[in-house]
Amino acid sequence: MDDTSQIQPPPSFAELFRTRSGKLSAPIAEVVARYELCEDLACHLTEQAQTLYHSGNSSEEQVLLGMHAGLAAEGSVVSPPEAGWIVQRVAELLEWRAPLLPAGNAE
């Protein structure tokens, strides 16, 4: 994305900020900052997801959908598309099957 940045958001994340014409809808520095936030959240949520799952009260899918609901709620620090990306990333990190997210909120 930017040759001067050491952090390169993956294409799946950058797509959240692309217009129909393929251009970024935000400055690259903002996209990188948002990526860092979302990646950090995903990494921190993996332990919480495992704890919830191993408590025996929820399936992997229920844990991830619950996290998505919280992340996509009004007042969240992330946008609904970012919430979808985070949940997909948590699933990837845990090697869980990614859930089908509610329409309009998926990655």
Protein backbone atom coordinates (compact mmCIF):
# COMPACT_ATOMS: atom_id res chain seq x y z
CA MET A 1 0.00 0.00 0.00
CA ASP A 2 2.69 2.50 1.03
CA ASP A 3 6.39 1.92 0.53
CA THR A 4 7.31 4.08 3.53
CA SER A 5 5.22 2.18 6.06
CA GLN A 6 6.61 -0.92 7.71
CA ILE A 7 3.08 -2.10 8.43
CA GLN A 8 1.14 -3.30 5.43
CA PRO A 9 -2.53 -4.09 6.08
CA PRO A 10 -3.59 -7.29 4.33
CA PRO A 11 -5.75 -6.92 1.22
CA SER A 12 -8.80 -8.20 3.14
CA PHE A 13 -8.54 -5.24 5.50
CA ALA A 14 -7.64 -2.65 2.86
CA GLU A 15 -10.79 -3.65 0.95
CA LEU A 16 -12.85 -2.18 3.79
CA PHE A 17 -11.52 1.24 2.75
CA ARG A 18 -11.72 0.95 -1.04
CA THR A 19 -14.25 2.77 -3.17
CA ARG A 20 -15.89 1.15 -6.16
CA SER A 21 -13.18 2.63 -8.33
CA GLY A 22 -10.54 0.88 -6.21
CA LYS A 23 -9.12 3.97 -4.54
CA LEU A 24 -8.71 4.23 -0.78
CA SER A 25 -11.49 6.21 0.88
CA ALA A 26 -9.17 7.31 3.71
CA PRO A 27 -5.54 8.38 3.95
CA ILE A 28 -3.09 5.47 4.12
CA ALA A 29 -1.97 6.51 7.61
CA GLU A 30 -5.57 6.20 8.83
CA VAL A 31 -6.00 2.78 7.19
CA VAL A 32 -2.78 1.56 8.84
CA ALA A 33 -3.88 2.94 12.22
CA ARG A 34 -7.29 1.27 11.91
CA TYR A 35 -5.61 -1.99 10.89
CA GLU A 36 -3.32 -1.88 13.92
CA LEU A 37 -6.34 -1.32 16.20
CA CYS A 38 -8.34 -4.14 14.62
CA GLU A 39 -5.43 -6.59 14.60
CA ASP A 40 -4.68 -5.81 18.26
CA LEU A 41 -8.33 -6.35 19.16
CA ALA A 42 -8.41 -9.65 17.29
CA CYS A 43 -5.29 -10.88 19.07
CA HIS A 44 -6.64 -9.88 22.48
CA LEU A 45 -10.03 -11.46 21.79
CA THR A 46 -8.58 -14.87 20.95
CA GLU A 47 -7.94 -15.69 24.61
CA GLN A 48 -11.39 -14.46 25.60
CA ALA A 49 -12.96 -16.54 22.82
CA GLN A 50 -11.13 -19.66 23.98
CA THR A 51 -12.21 -19.06 27.58
CA LEU A 52 -15.84 -18.62 26.57
CA TYR A 53 -15.74 -21.71 24.38
CA HIS A 54 -14.07 -23.90 26.99
CA SER A 55 -16.55 -22.81 29.65
CA GLY A 56 -18.94 -25.11 27.79
CA ASN A 57 -21.74 -22.60 27.40
CA SER A 58 -21.26 -21.78 23.73
CA SER A 59 -20.17 -23.25 20.45
CA GLU A 60 -17.33 -21.68 18.46
CA GLU A 61 -19.91 -20.05 16.22
CA GLN A 62 -21.91 -18.66 19.16
CA VAL A 63 -18.76 -17.22 20.71
CA LEU A 64 -17.78 -15.48 17.48
CA LEU A 65 -21.29 -14.22 16.76
CA GLY A 66 -21.52 -12.84 20.29
CA MET A 67 -18.23 -11.04 19.84
CA HIS A 68 -19.42 -9.66 16.53
CA ALA A 69 -22.62 -8.36 18.10
CA GLY A 70 -20.62 -6.50 20.72
CA LEU A 71 -18.09 -5.13 18.28
CA ALA A 72 -20.73 -4.00 15.76
CA ALA A 73 -22.97 -2.35 18.37
CA GLU A 74 -23.63 1.37 18.29
CA GLY A 75 -20.92 3.26 20.11
CA SER A 76 -18.22 0.70 19.36
CA VAL A 77 -14.72 1.93 18.58
CA VAL A 78 -14.83 -0.04 15.31
CA SER A 79 -17.20 0.16 12.35
CA PRO A 80 -19.48 -2.78 11.48
CA PRO A 81 -17.23 -3.79 8.54
CA GLU A 82 -14.21 -3.67 10.84
CA ALA A 83 -16.12 -5.76 13.39
CA GLY A 84 -16.69 -8.37 10.69
CA TRP A 85 -13.02 -8.38 9.81
CA ILE A 86 -12.01 -8.76 13.47
CA VAL A 87 -14.30 -11.75 13.95
CA GLN A 88 -12.98 -13.35 10.77
CA ARG A 89 -9.44 -12.76 12.05
CA VAL A 90 -10.20 -14.26 15.48
CA ALA A 91 -11.59 -17.34 13.72
CA GLU A 92 -8.45 -17.53 11.60
CA LEU A 93 -6.14 -17.18 14.61
CA LEU A 94 -8.02 -19.91 16.50
CA GLU A 95 -8.36 -22.11 13.40
CA TRP A 96 -12.12 -22.06 13.86
CA ARG A 97 -14.66 -21.96 11.08
CA ALA A 98 -15.68 -18.37 10.48
CA PRO A 99 -19.39 -17.79 11.09
CA LEU A 100 -21.83 -16.39 8.60
CA LEU A 101 -22.25 -12.82 9.82
CA PRO A 102 -25.48 -10.81 9.61
CA ALA A 103 -25.99 -9.14 6.21
CA GLY A 104 -24.31 -5.77 5.88
CA ASN A 105 -21.77 -6.50 8.61
CA ALA A 106 -19.55 -9.05 6.95
CA GLU A 107 -16.06 -8.31 5.78
